[in-house]
Amino acid sequence: MSTAAKPSAIHLPSLATAIVIMLAGTVTPMMMANSAGKADHGLATALFVAMSAGMVRGVGFVPRALVWRWLFSGWMCMVALAVAAWLKFH
């Protein structure tokens, strides 16, 4: 019996989300500002969590430890993106 883990595949939805957040944040950093033009740290944090989770899961890396696997999952990417949308539009 082999103890080696099978290779993970690229997860395109997570990777695409991470790349869009990365490019949009670079081209229009004001998307992470509030209506007064000041930095919205909660929104930026939620977007960066979504981007990080999306990038890690998107390239196919799946951590072994349950906590890290959950934190860097496609689900976390989606939840952080939903939090960012709620912070932006609420």
PDB file of N, CA and C in Angstrom:
ATOM      1  N   MET A   1       0.821  -1.186   0.000  1.00  0.00           N
ATOM      2  CA  MET A   1       0.000   0.000   0.000  1.00  0.00           C
ATOM      3  C   MET A   1       0.862   1.245   0.000  1.00  0.00           C
ATOM      4  N   SER A   2       0.470   2.178  -0.819  1.00  0.00           N
ATOM      5  CA  SER A   2       1.201   3.436  -0.908  1.00  0.00           C
ATOM      6  C   SER A   2       0.573   4.464   0.022  1.00  0.00           C
ATOM      7  N   THR A   3       1.407   5.201   0.734  1.00  0.00           N
ATOM      8  CA  THR A   3       0.903   6.239   1.631  1.00  0.00           C
ATOM      9  C   THR A   3       0.925   7.611   0.979  1.00  0.00           C
ATOM     10  N   ALA A   4       1.391   7.682  -0.260  1.00  0.00           N
ATOM     11  CA  ALA A   4       1.457   8.971  -0.959  1.00  0.00           C
ATOM     12  C   ALA A   4       0.048   9.427  -1.326  1.00  0.00           C
ATOM     13  N   ALA A   5      -0.189  10.694  -1.127  1.00  0.00           N
ATOM     14  CA  ALA A   5      -1.500  11.262  -1.460  1.00  0.00           C
ATOM     15  C   ALA A   5      -1.599  11.452  -2.964  1.00  0.00           C
ATOM     16  N   LYS A   6      -2.803  11.286  -3.472  1.00  0.00           N
ATOM     17  CA  LYS A   6      -2.978  11.488  -4.909  1.00  0.00           C
ATOM     18  C   LYS A   6      -2.902  12.982  -5.208  1.00  0.00           C
ATOM     19  N   PRO A   7      -2.390  13.352  -6.368  1.00  0.00           N
ATOM     20  CA  PRO A   7      -2.250  14.775  -6.696  1.00  0.00           C
ATOM     21  C   PRO A   7      -3.613  15.443  -6.859  1.00  0.00           C
ATOM     22  N   SER A   8      -3.698  16.671  -6.423  1.00  0.00           N
ATOM     23  CA  SER A   8      -4.937  17.435  -6.548  1.00  0.00           C
ATOM     24  C   SER A   8      -4.954  18.160  -7.881  1.00  0.00           C
ATOM     25  N   ALA A   9      -6.143  18.377  -8.375  1.00  0.00           N
ATOM     26  CA  ALA A   9      -6.295  19.076  -9.650  1.00  0.00           C
ATOM     27  C   ALA A   9      -6.504  20.566  -9.401  1.00  0.00           C
ATOM     28  N   ILE A  10      -6.257  21.331 -10.420  1.00  0.00           N
ATOM     29  CA  ILE A  10      -6.514  22.772 -10.352  1.00  0.00           C
ATOM     30  C   ILE A  10      -8.011  22.995 -10.193  1.00  0.00           C
ATOM     31  N   HIS A  11      -8.376  23.910  -9.307  1.00  0.00           N
ATOM     32  CA  HIS A  11      -9.776  24.252  -9.062  1.00  0.00           C
ATOM     33  C   HIS A  11     -10.027  25.622  -9.708  1.00  0.00           C
ATOM     34  N   LEU A  12     -10.525  25.588 -10.940  1.00  0.00           N
ATOM     35  CA  LEU A  12     -10.635  26.819 -11.728  1.00  0.00           C
ATOM     36  C   LEU A  12     -11.520  27.905 -11.115  1.00  0.00           C
ATOM     37  N   PRO A  13     -12.689  27.591 -10.513  1.00  0.00           N
ATOM     38  CA  PRO A  13     -13.484  28.686  -9.931  1.00  0.00           C
ATOM     39  C   PRO A  13     -12.724  29.463  -8.846  1.00  0.00           C
ATOM     40  N   SER A  14     -12.027  28.755  -7.975  1.00  0.00           N
ATOM     41  CA  SER A  14     -11.262  29.428  -6.915  1.00  0.00           C
ATOM     42  C   SER A  14     -10.101  30.216  -7.492  1.00  0.00           C
ATOM     43  N   LEU A  15      -9.403  29.631  -8.450  1.00  0.00           N
ATOM     44  CA  LEU A  15      -8.266  30.307  -9.061  1.00  0.00           C
ATOM     45  C   LEU A  15      -8.717  31.551  -9.819  1.00  0.00           C
ATOM     46  N   ALA A  16      -9.814  31.446 -10.547  1.00  0.00           N
ATOM     47  CA  ALA A  16     -10.334  32.604 -11.289  1.00  0.00           C
ATOM     48  C   ALA A  16     -10.755  33.716 -10.337  1.00  0.00           C
ATOM     49  N   THR A  17     -11.392  33.354  -9.225  1.00  0.00           N
ATOM     50  CA  THR A  17     -11.795  34.350  -8.233  1.00  0.00           C
ATOM     51  C   THR A  17     -10.581  35.072  -7.670  1.00  0.00           C
ATOM     52  N   ALA A  18      -9.546  34.314  -7.327  1.00  0.00           N
ATOM     53  CA  ALA A  18      -8.328  34.908  -6.774  1.00  0.00           C
ATOM     54  C   ALA A  18      -7.660  35.843  -7.772  1.00  0.00           C
ATOM     55  N   ILE A  19      -7.600  35.431  -9.030  1.00  0.00           N
ATOM     56  CA  ILE A  19      -6.951  36.264 -10.044  1.00  0.00           C
ATOM     57  C   ILE A  19      -7.750  37.534 -10.303  1.00  0.00           C
ATOM     58  N   VAL A  20      -9.078  37.434 -10.326  1.00  0.00           N
ATOM     59  CA  VAL A  20      -9.913  38.627 -10.527  1.00  0.00           C
ATOM     60  C   VAL A  20      -9.746  39.606  -9.371  1.00  0.00           C
ATOM     61  N   ILE A  21      -9.744  39.110  -8.132  1.00  0.00           N
ATOM     62  CA  ILE A  21      -9.541  39.986  -6.975  1.00  0.00           C
ATOM     63  C   ILE A  21      -8.169  40.640  -7.046  1.00  0.00           C
ATOM     64  N   MET A  22      -7.151  39.863  -7.396  1.00  0.00           N
ATOM     65  CA  MET A  22      -5.782  40.385  -7.478  1.00  0.00           C
ATOM     66  C   MET A  22      -5.693  41.489  -8.535  1.00  0.00           C
ATOM     67  N   LEU A  23      -6.217  41.233  -9.719  1.00  0.00           N
ATOM     68  CA  LEU A  23      -6.143  42.224 -10.792  1.00  0.00           C
ATOM     69  C   LEU A  23      -7.006  43.449 -10.510  1.00  0.00           C
ATOM     70  N   ALA A  24      -8.220  43.237 -10.017  1.00  0.00           N
ATOM     71  CA  ALA A  24      -9.111  44.364  -9.723  1.00  0.00           C
ATOM     72  C   ALA A  24      -8.535  45.241  -8.615  1.00  0.00           C
ATOM     73  N   GLY A  25      -7.952  44.623  -7.593  1.00  0.00           N
ATOM     74  CA  GLY A  25      -7.334  45.395  -6.519  1.00  0.00           C
ATOM     75  C   GLY A  25      -6.115  46.173  -6.972  1.00  0.00           C
ATOM     76  N   THR A  26      -5.430  45.655  -7.978  1.00  0.00           N
ATOM     77  CA  THR A  26      -4.258  46.346  -8.513  1.00  0.00           C
ATOM     78  C   THR A  26      -4.661  47.500  -9.419  1.00  0.00           C
ATOM     79  N   VAL A  27      -5.647  47.264 -10.276  1.00  0.00           N
ATOM     80  CA  VAL A  27      -6.075  48.280 -11.240  1.00  0.00           C
ATOM     81  C   VAL A  27      -6.907  49.370 -10.570  1.00  0.00           C
ATOM     82  N   THR A  28      -7.817  48.977  -9.685  1.00  0.00           N
ATOM     83  CA  THR A  28      -8.692  49.956  -9.018  1.00  0.00           C
ATOM     84  C   THR A  28      -8.653  49.757  -7.501  1.00  0.00           C
ATOM     85  N   PRO A  29      -7.615  50.235  -6.847  1.00  0.00           N
ATOM     86  CA  PRO A  29      -7.535  50.050  -5.397  1.00  0.00           C
ATOM     87  C   PRO A  29      -8.644  50.778  -4.634  1.00  0.00           C
ATOM     88  N   MET A  30      -9.300  51.723  -5.279  1.00  0.00           N
ATOM     89  CA  MET A  30     -10.401  52.426  -4.600  1.00  0.00           C
ATOM     90  C   MET A  30     -11.602  51.521  -4.359  1.00  0.00           C
ATOM     91  N   MET A  31     -11.618  50.327  -4.953  1.00  0.00           N
ATOM     92  CA  MET A  31     -12.718  49.401  -4.672  1.00  0.00           C
ATOM     93  C   MET A  31     -12.668  48.926  -3.221  1.00  0.00           C
ATOM     94  N   MET A  32     -11.526  49.120  -2.575  1.00  0.00           N
ATOM     95  CA  MET A  32     -11.383  48.744  -1.173  1.00  0.00           C
ATOM     96  C   MET A  32     -11.498  49.950  -0.257  1.00  0.00           C
ATOM     97  N   ALA A  33     -12.156  50.993  -0.734  1.00  0.00           N
ATOM     98  CA  ALA A  33     -12.358  52.201   0.071  1.00  0.00           C
ATOM     99  C   ALA A  33     -13.838  52.351   0.400  1.00  0.00           C
ATOM    100  N   ASN A  34     -14.108  53.080   1.453  1.00  0.00           N
ATOM    101  CA  ASN A  34     -15.497  53.350   1.813  1.00  0.00           C
ATOM    102  C   ASN A  34     -16.000  54.580   1.043  1.00  0.00           C
ATOM    103  N   SER A  35     -17.215  54.992   1.326  1.00  0.00           N
ATOM    104  CA  SER A  35     -17.807  56.112   0.585  1.00  0.00           C
ATOM    105  C   SER A  35     -17.080  57.432   0.829  1.00  0.00           C
ATOM    106  N   ALA A  36     -16.353  57.539   1.930  1.00  0.00           N
ATOM    107  CA  ALA A  36     -15.593  58.756   2.224  1.00  0.00           C
ATOM    108  C   ALA A  36     -14.213  58.738   1.577  1.00  0.00           C
ATOM    109  N   GLY A  37     -13.865  57.653   0.892  1.00  0.00           N
ATOM    110  CA  GLY A  37     -12.567  57.560   0.243  1.00  0.00           C
ATOM    111  C   GLY A  37     -11.457  57.032   1.136  1.00  0.00           C
ATOM    112  N   LYS A  38     -11.791  56.656   2.359  1.00  0.00           N
ATOM    113  CA  LYS A  38     -10.802  56.104   3.298  1.00  0.00           C
ATOM    114  C   LYS A  38     -10.727  54.585   3.112  1.00  0.00           C
ATOM    115  N   ALA A  39      -9.604  54.021   3.463  1.00  0.00           N
ATOM    116  CA  ALA A  39      -9.426  52.571   3.352  1.00  0.00           C
ATOM    117  C   ALA A  39     -10.425  51.842   4.242  1.00  0.00           C
ATOM    118  N   ASP A  40     -11.106  50.852   3.671  1.00  0.00           N
ATOM    119  CA  ASP A  40     -12.035  50.011   4.422  1.00  0.00           C
ATOM    120  C   ASP A  40     -11.297  48.722   4.763  1.00  0.00           C
ATOM    121  N   HIS A  41     -10.770  48.658   5.974  1.00  0.00           N
ATOM    122  CA  HIS A  41      -9.915  47.548   6.357  1.00  0.00           C
ATOM    123  C   HIS A  41     -10.669  46.227   6.456  1.00  0.00           C
ATOM    124  N   GLY A  42     -11.918  46.261   6.874  1.00  0.00           N
ATOM    125  CA  GLY A  42     -12.715  45.040   6.932  1.00  0.00           C
ATOM    126  C   GLY A  42     -12.938  44.459   5.541  1.00  0.00           C
ATOM    127  N   LEU A  43     -13.273  45.316   4.589  1.00  0.00           N
ATOM    128  CA  LEU A  43     -13.480  44.884   3.207  1.00  0.00           C
ATOM    129  C   LEU A  43     -12.176  44.352   2.613  1.00  0.00           C
ATOM    130  N   ALA A  44     -11.095  45.055   2.824  1.00  0.00           N
ATOM    131  CA  ALA A  44      -9.804  44.611   2.297  1.00  0.00           C
ATOM    132  C   ALA A  44      -9.403  43.263   2.889  1.00  0.00           C
ATOM    133  N   THR A  45      -9.627  43.089   4.185  1.00  0.00           N
ATOM    134  CA  THR A  45      -9.302  41.819   4.826  1.00  0.00           C
ATOM    135  C   THR A  45     -10.125  40.685   4.238  1.00  0.00           C
ATOM    136  N   ALA A  46     -11.427  40.897   4.074  1.00  0.00           N
ATOM    137  CA  ALA A  46     -12.288  39.861   3.499  1.00  0.00           C
ATOM    138  C   ALA A  46     -11.854  39.523   2.069  1.00  0.00           C
ATOM    139  N   LEU A  47     -11.517  40.532   1.281  1.00  0.00           N
ATOM    140  CA  LEU A  47     -11.060  40.281  -0.083  1.00  0.00           C
ATOM    141  C   LEU A  47      -9.719  39.543  -0.100  1.00  0.00           C
ATOM    142  N   PHE A  48      -8.822  39.906   0.798  1.00  0.00           N
ATOM    143  CA  PHE A  48      -7.522  39.242   0.832  1.00  0.00           C
ATOM    144  C   PHE A  48      -7.632  37.798   1.321  1.00  0.00           C
ATOM    145  N   VAL A  49      -8.551  37.535   2.238  1.00  0.00           N
ATOM    146  CA  VAL A  49      -8.788  36.150   2.674  1.00  0.00           C
ATOM    147  C   VAL A  49      -9.346  35.346   1.501  1.00  0.00           C
ATOM    148  N   ALA A  50     -10.315  35.920   0.782  1.00  0.00           N
ATOM    149  CA  ALA A  50     -10.874  35.236  -0.389  1.00  0.00           C
ATOM    150  C   ALA A  50      -9.794  34.990  -1.440  1.00  0.00           C
ATOM    151  N   MET A  51      -8.952  35.978  -1.669  1.00  0.00           N
ATOM    152  CA  MET A  51      -7.886  35.840  -2.655  1.00  0.00           C
ATOM    153  C   MET A  51      -6.878  34.767  -2.223  1.00  0.00           C
ATOM    154  N   SER A  52      -6.500  34.764  -0.965  1.00  0.00           N
ATOM    155  CA  SER A  52      -5.526  33.783  -0.479  1.00  0.00           C
ATOM    156  C   SER A  52      -6.074  32.366  -0.541  1.00  0.00           C
ATOM    157  N   ALA A  53      -7.290  32.177  -0.047  1.00  0.00           N
ATOM    158  CA  ALA A  53      -7.907  30.850  -0.091  1.00  0.00           C
ATOM    159  C   ALA A  53      -8.107  30.400  -1.533  1.00  0.00           C
ATOM    160  N   GLY A  54      -8.533  31.315  -2.384  1.00  0.00           N
ATOM    161  CA  GLY A  54      -8.742  30.971  -3.788  1.00  0.00           C
ATOM    162  C   GLY A  54      -7.454  30.602  -4.486  1.00  0.00           C
ATOM    163  N   MET A  55      -6.388  31.297  -4.184  1.00  0.00           N
ATOM    164  CA  MET A  55      -5.106  31.010  -4.829  1.00  0.00           C
ATOM    165  C   MET A  55      -4.556  29.659  -4.367  1.00  0.00           C
ATOM    166  N   VAL A  56      -4.602  29.402  -3.072  1.00  0.00           N
ATOM    167  CA  VAL A  56      -4.077  28.143  -2.542  1.00  0.00           C
ATOM    168  C   VAL A  56      -4.874  26.959  -3.086  1.00  0.00           C
ATOM    169  N   ARG A  57      -6.201  27.032  -2.977  1.00  0.00           N
ATOM    170  CA  ARG A  57      -7.038  25.936  -3.482  1.00  0.00           C
ATOM    171  C   ARG A  57      -7.018  25.886  -5.003  1.00  0.00           C
ATOM    172  N   GLY A  58      -6.935  27.039  -5.628  1.00  0.00           N
ATOM    173  CA  GLY A  58      -6.986  27.110  -7.080  1.00  0.00           C
ATOM    174  C   GLY A  58      -5.830  26.421  -7.767  1.00  0.00           C
ATOM    175  N   VAL A  59      -4.638  26.490  -7.193  1.00  0.00           N
ATOM    176  CA  VAL A  59      -3.491  25.831  -7.814  1.00  0.00           C
ATOM    177  C   VAL A  59      -3.451  24.342  -7.498  1.00  0.00           C
ATOM    178  N   GLY A  60      -4.388  23.876  -6.679  1.00  0.00           N
ATOM    179  CA  GLY A  60      -4.496  22.446  -6.422  1.00  0.00           C
ATOM    180  C   GLY A  60      -3.907  21.975  -5.116  1.00  0.00           C
ATOM    181  N   PHE A  61      -3.470  22.887  -4.268  1.00  0.00           N
ATOM    182  CA  PHE A  61      -2.897  22.480  -2.981  1.00  0.00           C
ATOM    183  C   PHE A  61      -4.018  22.257  -1.981  1.00  0.00           C
ATOM    184  N   VAL A  62      -4.022  21.090  -1.353  1.00  0.00           N
ATOM    185  CA  VAL A  62      -4.999  20.778  -0.311  1.00  0.00           C
ATOM    186  C   VAL A  62      -4.215  20.355   0.925  1.00  0.00           C
ATOM    187  N   PRO A  63      -4.197  21.195   1.977  1.00  0.00           N
ATOM    188  CA  PRO A  63      -3.437  20.855   3.188  1.00  0.00           C
ATOM    189  C   PRO A  63      -3.965  19.589   3.850  1.00  0.00           C
ATOM    190  N   ARG A  64      -3.127  18.937   4.616  1.00  0.00           N
ATOM    191  CA  ARG A  64      -3.528  17.703   5.309  1.00  0.00           C
ATOM    192  C   ARG A  64      -4.313  17.984   6.577  1.00  0.00           C
ATOM    193  N   ALA A  65      -3.896  18.986   7.340  1.00  0.00           N
ATOM    194  CA  ALA A  65      -4.569  19.295   8.606  1.00  0.00           C
ATOM    195  C   ALA A  65      -5.946  19.875   8.330  1.00  0.00           C
ATOM    196  N   LEU A  66      -6.918  19.430   9.085  1.00  0.00           N
ATOM    197  CA  LEU A  66      -8.314  19.815   8.854  1.00  0.00           C
ATOM    198  C   LEU A  66      -8.531  21.326   8.929  1.00  0.00           C
ATOM    199  N   VAL A  67      -7.937  21.986   9.900  1.00  0.00           N
ATOM    200  CA  VAL A  67      -8.128  23.434  10.057  1.00  0.00           C
ATOM    201  C   VAL A  67      -7.605  24.171   8.829  1.00  0.00           C
ATOM    202  N   TRP A  68      -6.393  23.833   8.397  1.00  0.00           N
ATOM    203  CA  TRP A  68      -5.814  24.501   7.229  1.00  0.00           C
ATOM    204  C   TRP A  68      -6.576  24.137   5.957  1.00  0.00           C
ATOM    205  N   ARG A  69      -7.031  22.888   5.877  1.00  0.00           N
ATOM    206  CA  ARG A  69      -7.799  22.474   4.709  1.00  0.00           C
ATOM    207  C   ARG A  69      -9.074  23.296   4.602  1.00  0.00           C
ATOM    208  N   TRP A  70      -9.714  23.583   5.735  1.00  0.00           N
ATOM    209  CA  TRP A  70     -10.931  24.390   5.718  1.00  0.00           C
ATOM    210  C   TRP A  70     -10.620  25.859   5.418  1.00  0.00           C
ATOM    211  N   LEU A  71      -9.546  26.384   6.025  1.00  0.00           N
ATOM    212  CA  LEU A  71      -9.201  27.789   5.820  1.00  0.00           C
ATOM    213  C   LEU A  71      -8.774  28.100   4.387  1.00  0.00           C
ATOM    214  N   PHE A  72      -8.192  27.128   3.710  1.00  0.00           N
ATOM    215  CA  PHE A  72      -7.744  27.332   2.331  1.00  0.00           C
ATOM    216  C   PHE A  72      -8.578  26.510   1.350  1.00  0.00           C
ATOM    217  N   SER A  73      -9.878  26.497   1.558  1.00  0.00           N
ATOM    218  CA  SER A  73     -10.783  25.740   0.696  1.00  0.00           C
ATOM    219  C   SER A  73     -11.553  26.680  -0.230  1.00  0.00           C
ATOM    220  N   GLY A  74     -12.184  26.087  -1.206  1.00  0.00           N
ATOM    221  CA  GLY A  74     -13.058  26.854  -2.082  1.00  0.00           C
ATOM    222  C   GLY A  74     -14.242  27.434  -1.325  1.00  0.00           C
ATOM    223  N   TRP A  75     -14.692  26.711  -0.301  1.00  0.00           N
ATOM    224  CA  TRP A  75     -15.807  27.200   0.516  1.00  0.00           C
ATOM    225  C   TRP A  75     -15.424  28.471   1.271  1.00  0.00           C
ATOM    226  N   MET A  76     -14.206  28.505   1.824  1.00  0.00           N
ATOM    227  CA  MET A  76     -13.753  29.704   2.532  1.00  0.00           C
ATOM    228  C   MET A  76     -13.625  30.869   1.562  1.00  0.00           C
ATOM    229  N   CYS A  77     -13.170  30.592   0.367  1.00  0.00           N
ATOM    230  CA  CYS A  77     -13.075  31.628  -0.657  1.00  0.00           C
ATOM    231  C   CYS A  77     -14.451  32.228  -0.909  1.00  0.00           C
ATOM    232  N   MET A  78     -15.463  31.370  -1.045  1.00  0.00           N
ATOM    233  CA  MET A  78     -16.821  31.824  -1.310  1.00  0.00           C
ATOM    234  C   MET A  78     -17.400  32.600  -0.114  1.00  0.00           C
ATOM    235  N   VAL A  79     -17.164  32.102   1.090  1.00  0.00           N
ATOM    236  CA  VAL A  79     -17.676  32.776   2.294  1.00  0.00           C
ATOM    237  C   VAL A  79     -17.026  34.150   2.453  1.00  0.00           C
ATOM    238  N   ALA A  80     -15.715  34.226   2.283  1.00  0.00           N
ATOM    239  CA  ALA A  80     -15.011  35.510   2.414  1.00  0.00           C
ATOM    240  C   ALA A  80     -15.454  36.488   1.327  1.00  0.00           C
ATOM    241  N   LEU A  81     -15.716  35.984   0.133  1.00  0.00           N
ATOM    242  CA  LEU A  81     -16.209  36.838  -0.947  1.00  0.00           C
ATOM    243  C   LEU A  81     -17.613  37.351  -0.630  1.00  0.00           C
ATOM    244  N   ALA A  82     -18.451  36.508  -0.039  1.00  0.00           N
ATOM    245  CA  ALA A  82     -19.793  36.935   0.367  1.00  0.00           C
ATOM    246  C   ALA A  82     -19.720  37.989   1.473  1.00  0.00           C
ATOM    247  N   VAL A  83     -18.811  37.814   2.425  1.00  0.00           N
ATOM    248  CA  VAL A  83     -18.616  38.811   3.492  1.00  0.00           C
ATOM    249  C   VAL A  83     -18.154  40.133   2.883  1.00  0.00           C
ATOM    250  N   ALA A  84     -17.233  40.055   1.923  1.00  0.00           N
ATOM    251  CA  ALA A  84     -16.747  41.276   1.268  1.00  0.00           C
ATOM    252  C   ALA A  84     -17.884  41.990   0.532  1.00  0.00           C
ATOM    253  N   ALA A  85     -18.719  41.239  -0.153  1.00  0.00           N
ATOM    254  CA  ALA A  85     -19.862  41.841  -0.859  1.00  0.00           C
ATOM    255  C   ALA A  85     -20.825  42.479   0.133  1.00  0.00           C
ATOM    256  N   TRP A  86     -21.070  41.797   1.260  1.00  0.00           N
ATOM    257  CA  TRP A  86     -21.969  42.353   2.264  1.00  0.00           C
ATOM    258  C   TRP A  86     -21.390  43.644   2.854  1.00  0.00           C
ATOM    259  N   LEU A  87     -20.094  43.651   3.138  1.00  0.00           N
ATOM    260  CA  LEU A  87     -19.462  44.864   3.667  1.00  0.00           C
ATOM    261  C   LEU A  87     -19.484  46.004   2.659  1.00  0.00           C
ATOM    262  N   LYS A  88     -19.322  45.700   1.395  1.00  0.00           N
ATOM    263  CA  LYS A  88     -19.270  46.734   0.360  1.00  0.00           C
ATOM    264  C   LYS A  88     -20.650  47.346   0.108  1.00  0.00           C
ATOM    265  N   PHE A  89     -21.672  46.503   0.082  1.00  0.00           N
ATOM    266  CA  PHE A  89     -22.991  46.980  -0.343  1.00  0.00           C
ATOM    267  C   PHE A  89     -23.990  47.147   0.791  1.00  0.00           C
ATOM    268  N   HIS A  90     -23.575  46.943   1.999  1.00  0.00           N
ATOM    269  CA  HIS A  90     -24.516  47.113   3.136  1.00  0.00           C
ATOM    270  C   HIS A  90     -24.316  48.442   3.792  1.00  0.00           C
TER     271      HIS A  90
END
